[in-house]
Amino acid sequence: MIDNVVLFTAIALLLLMLLSMIRLIGGPTILDRILGGNIIGTKTTTLLLLIGILYGDLAMFVDIAIAYALLNFIATLGATRYFLRKKNSDDTLGDFLDREAPIVNESTATAKGDAE
């Protein structure tokens, strides 16, 4: 019975990984693609643990899952750092900050206008 539940959960995780693959391949920005890769890595770690339960040797698969999770984390940090240094990513972040600045200025100006 428990094997059927674990197997169904593993299949559901695989389907969710396929949905995350859409974000990885067709993400509008590079940061969306990095996030999609990170989601797939996290679900793979969980999938490794479920496989360990199915095989009855969870201790071995926990070690593999921890190593994979650490590699996924380091790869995500490295990719994010690399792409944030590129000019296009910096422009995207700068555009976001510039877009947010007038909203703050307009609310401040409205508050000053009400006080006068």
C-alpha atoms as a PDB file:
ATOM      1  CA  MET A   1       0.000   0.000   0.000  1.00  0.00           C
ATOM      2  CA  ILE A   2       2.708   2.465   0.984  1.00  0.00           C
ATOM      3  CA  ASP A   3       4.632   1.576  -2.169  1.00  0.00           C
ATOM      4  CA  ASN A   4       1.651   2.613  -4.298  1.00  0.00           C
ATOM      5  CA  VAL A   5       1.422   5.971  -2.512  1.00  0.00           C
ATOM      6  CA  VAL A   6       5.148   6.605  -2.944  1.00  0.00           C
ATOM      7  CA  LEU A   7       4.977   5.586  -6.604  1.00  0.00           C
ATOM      8  CA  PHE A   8       1.995   7.872  -7.236  1.00  0.00           C
ATOM      9  CA  THR A   9       3.806  10.749  -5.509  1.00  0.00           C
ATOM     10  CA  ALA A  10       6.910  10.126  -7.630  1.00  0.00           C
ATOM     11  CA  ILE A  11       4.837  10.209 -10.815  1.00  0.00           C
ATOM     12  CA  ALA A  12       3.180  13.452  -9.688  1.00  0.00           C
ATOM     13  CA  LEU A  13       6.624  14.962  -9.052  1.00  0.00           C
ATOM     14  CA  LEU A  14       7.742  13.938 -12.535  1.00  0.00           C
ATOM     15  CA  LEU A  15       4.718  15.698 -14.018  1.00  0.00           C
ATOM     16  CA  LEU A  16       5.497  18.820 -11.998  1.00  0.00           C
ATOM     17  CA  MET A  17       9.086  18.641 -13.225  1.00  0.00           C
ATOM     18  CA  LEU A  18       7.790  18.632 -16.796  1.00  0.00           C
ATOM     19  CA  LEU A  19       5.816  21.790 -16.037  1.00  0.00           C
ATOM     20  CA  SER A  20       8.944  23.372 -14.597  1.00  0.00           C
ATOM     21  CA  MET A  21      10.774  22.402 -17.778  1.00  0.00           C
ATOM     22  CA  ILE A  22       8.480  24.800 -19.637  1.00  0.00           C
ATOM     23  CA  ARG A  23       9.746  27.617 -17.415  1.00  0.00           C
ATOM     24  CA  LEU A  24      13.313  26.444 -17.930  1.00  0.00           C
ATOM     25  CA  ILE A  25      13.095  26.376 -21.718  1.00  0.00           C
ATOM     26  CA  GLY A  26      10.743  29.247 -22.449  1.00  0.00           C
ATOM     27  CA  GLY A  27      11.215  31.602 -19.532  1.00  0.00           C
ATOM     28  CA  PRO A  28      10.964  35.232 -20.606  1.00  0.00           C
ATOM     29  CA  THR A  29      14.128  36.207 -18.703  1.00  0.00           C
ATOM     30  CA  ILE A  30      17.292  34.418 -17.741  1.00  0.00           C
ATOM     31  CA  LEU A  31      16.359  34.614 -14.074  1.00  0.00           C
ATOM     32  CA  ASP A  32      13.123  32.718 -14.824  1.00  0.00           C
ATOM     33  CA  ARG A  33      15.216  30.016 -16.461  1.00  0.00           C
ATOM     34  CA  ILE A  34      17.498  29.817 -13.441  1.00  0.00           C
ATOM     35  CA  LEU A  35      14.465  29.504 -11.183  1.00  0.00           C
ATOM     36  CA  GLY A  36      13.060  26.724 -13.377  1.00  0.00           C
ATOM     37  CA  GLY A  37      16.348  24.827 -13.137  1.00  0.00           C
ATOM     38  CA  ASN A  38      16.391  25.261  -9.374  1.00  0.00           C
ATOM     39  CA  ILE A  39      12.839  23.938  -9.076  1.00  0.00           C
ATOM     40  CA  ILE A  40      13.742  20.883 -11.140  1.00  0.00           C
ATOM     41  CA  GLY A  41      16.796  20.274  -8.950  1.00  0.00           C
ATOM     42  CA  THR A  42      14.734  20.503  -5.774  1.00  0.00           C
ATOM     43  CA  LYS A  43      12.132  18.088  -7.088  1.00  0.00           C
ATOM     44  CA  THR A  44      14.897  15.715  -8.182  1.00  0.00           C
ATOM     45  CA  THR A  45      16.229  15.698  -4.625  1.00  0.00           C
ATOM     46  CA  THR A  46      12.775  14.742  -3.353  1.00  0.00           C
ATOM     47  CA  LEU A  47      12.455  12.129  -6.084  1.00  0.00           C
ATOM     48  CA  LEU A  48      15.750  10.556  -4.998  1.00  0.00           C
ATOM     49  CA  LEU A  49      14.368  10.175  -1.477  1.00  0.00           C
ATOM     50  CA  LEU A  50      11.185   8.578  -2.795  1.00  0.00           C
ATOM     51  CA  ILE A  51      13.260   6.129  -4.838  1.00  0.00           C
ATOM     52  CA  GLY A  52      15.162   5.303  -1.646  1.00  0.00           C
ATOM     53  CA  ILE A  53      11.883   4.470   0.070  1.00  0.00           C
ATOM     54  CA  LEU A  54      10.848   2.244  -2.846  1.00  0.00           C
ATOM     55  CA  TYR A  55      14.157   0.346  -2.825  1.00  0.00           C
ATOM     56  CA  GLY A  56      14.166   0.062   0.960  1.00  0.00           C
ATOM     57  CA  ASP A  57      17.625   1.600   1.271  1.00  0.00           C
ATOM     58  CA  LEU A  58      16.836   5.149   2.331  1.00  0.00           C
ATOM     59  CA  ALA A  59      20.195   5.744   4.047  1.00  0.00           C
ATOM     60  CA  MET A  60      22.146   5.473   0.793  1.00  0.00           C
ATOM     61  CA  PHE A  61      19.713   7.679  -1.121  1.00  0.00           C
ATOM     62  CA  VAL A  62      19.733  10.342   1.604  1.00  0.00           C
ATOM     63  CA  ASP A  63      23.470  10.771   1.081  1.00  0.00           C
ATOM     64  CA  ILE A  64      23.002  11.033  -2.674  1.00  0.00           C
ATOM     65  CA  ALA A  65      20.123  13.498  -2.248  1.00  0.00           C
ATOM     66  CA  ILE A  66      22.133  15.740   0.082  1.00  0.00           C
ATOM     67  CA  ALA A  67      25.071  15.802  -2.335  1.00  0.00           C
ATOM     68  CA  TYR A  68      22.739  16.575  -5.237  1.00  0.00           C
ATOM     69  CA  ALA A  69      21.001  19.345  -3.283  1.00  0.00           C
ATOM     70  CA  LEU A  70      24.342  20.971  -2.471  1.00  0.00           C
ATOM     71  CA  LEU A  71      25.416  20.810  -6.112  1.00  0.00           C
ATOM     72  CA  ASN A  72      22.071  22.268  -7.179  1.00  0.00           C
ATOM     73  CA  PHE A  73      22.440  25.130  -4.697  1.00  0.00           C
ATOM     74  CA  ILE A  74      26.001  25.927  -5.789  1.00  0.00           C
ATOM     75  CA  ALA A  75      25.042  25.772  -9.481  1.00  0.00           C
ATOM     76  CA  THR A  76      22.094  28.104  -8.912  1.00  0.00           C
ATOM     77  CA  LEU A  77      24.269  30.609  -7.049  1.00  0.00           C
ATOM     78  CA  GLY A  78      26.942  30.430  -9.727  1.00  0.00           C
ATOM     79  CA  ALA A  79      24.506  30.884 -12.605  1.00  0.00           C
ATOM     80  CA  THR A  80      22.737  33.754 -10.879  1.00  0.00           C
ATOM     81  CA  ARG A  81      25.990  35.509 -10.103  1.00  0.00           C
ATOM     82  CA  TYR A  82      27.268  35.035 -13.656  1.00  0.00           C
ATOM     83  CA  PHE A  83      24.144  36.333 -15.350  1.00  0.00           C
ATOM     84  CA  LEU A  84      23.671  39.255 -12.970  1.00  0.00           C
ATOM     85  CA  ARG A  85      27.126  40.480 -13.959  1.00  0.00           C
ATOM     86  CA  LYS A  86      26.160  40.550 -17.618  1.00  0.00           C
ATOM     87  CA  LYS A  87      24.992  43.870 -18.992  1.00  0.00           C
ATOM     88  CA  ASN A  88      21.528  42.669 -20.008  1.00  0.00           C
ATOM     89  CA  SER A  89      20.707  41.451 -16.528  1.00  0.00           C
ATOM     90  CA  ASP A  90      22.004  44.671 -14.986  1.00  0.00           C
ATOM     91  CA  ASP A  91      19.827  46.686 -17.374  1.00  0.00           C
ATOM     92  CA  THR A  92      16.825  44.589 -16.424  1.00  0.00           C
ATOM     93  CA  LEU A  93      17.448  45.196 -12.728  1.00  0.00           C
ATOM     94  CA  GLY A  94      18.064  48.899 -13.404  1.00  0.00           C
ATOM     95  CA  ASP A  95      14.832  49.159 -15.381  1.00  0.00           C
ATOM     96  CA  PHE A  96      12.966  47.530 -12.507  1.00  0.00           C
ATOM     97  CA  LEU A  97      14.435  49.940  -9.978  1.00  0.00           C
ATOM     98  CA  ASP A  98      13.719  52.941 -12.218  1.00  0.00           C
ATOM     99  CA  ARG A  99      10.159  51.785 -12.694  1.00  0.00           C
ATOM    100  CA  GLU A 100       9.608  51.528  -8.936  1.00  0.00           C
ATOM    101  CA  ALA A 101      11.188  54.914  -8.130  1.00  0.00           C
ATOM    102  CA  PRO A 102       8.480  57.150  -9.714  1.00  0.00           C
ATOM    103  CA  ILE A 103       5.755  55.310  -7.815  1.00  0.00           C
ATOM    104  CA  VAL A 104       7.438  56.195  -4.535  1.00  0.00           C
ATOM    105  CA  ASN A 105       8.032  59.766  -5.715  1.00  0.00           C
ATOM    106  CA  GLU A 106       4.403  60.218  -6.798  1.00  0.00           C
ATOM    107  CA  SER A 107       3.071  59.045  -3.437  1.00  0.00           C
ATOM    108  CA  THR A 108       5.533  61.325  -1.657  1.00  0.00           C
ATOM    109  CA  ALA A 109       4.540  64.233  -3.904  1.00  0.00           C
ATOM    110  CA  THR A 110       0.853  63.535  -3.246  1.00  0.00           C
ATOM    111  CA  ALA A 111       1.454  63.532   0.484  1.00  0.00           C
ATOM    112  CA  LYS A 112       3.367  66.830   0.230  1.00  0.00           C
ATOM    113  CA  GLY A 113       0.608  68.310  -1.937  1.00  0.00           C
ATOM    114  CA  ASP A 114      -2.038  67.363   0.623  1.00  0.00           C
ATOM    115  CA  ALA A 115      -0.031  68.976   3.420  1.00  0.00           C
ATOM    116  CA  GLU A 116       0.133  72.315   1.608  1.00  0.00           C
END
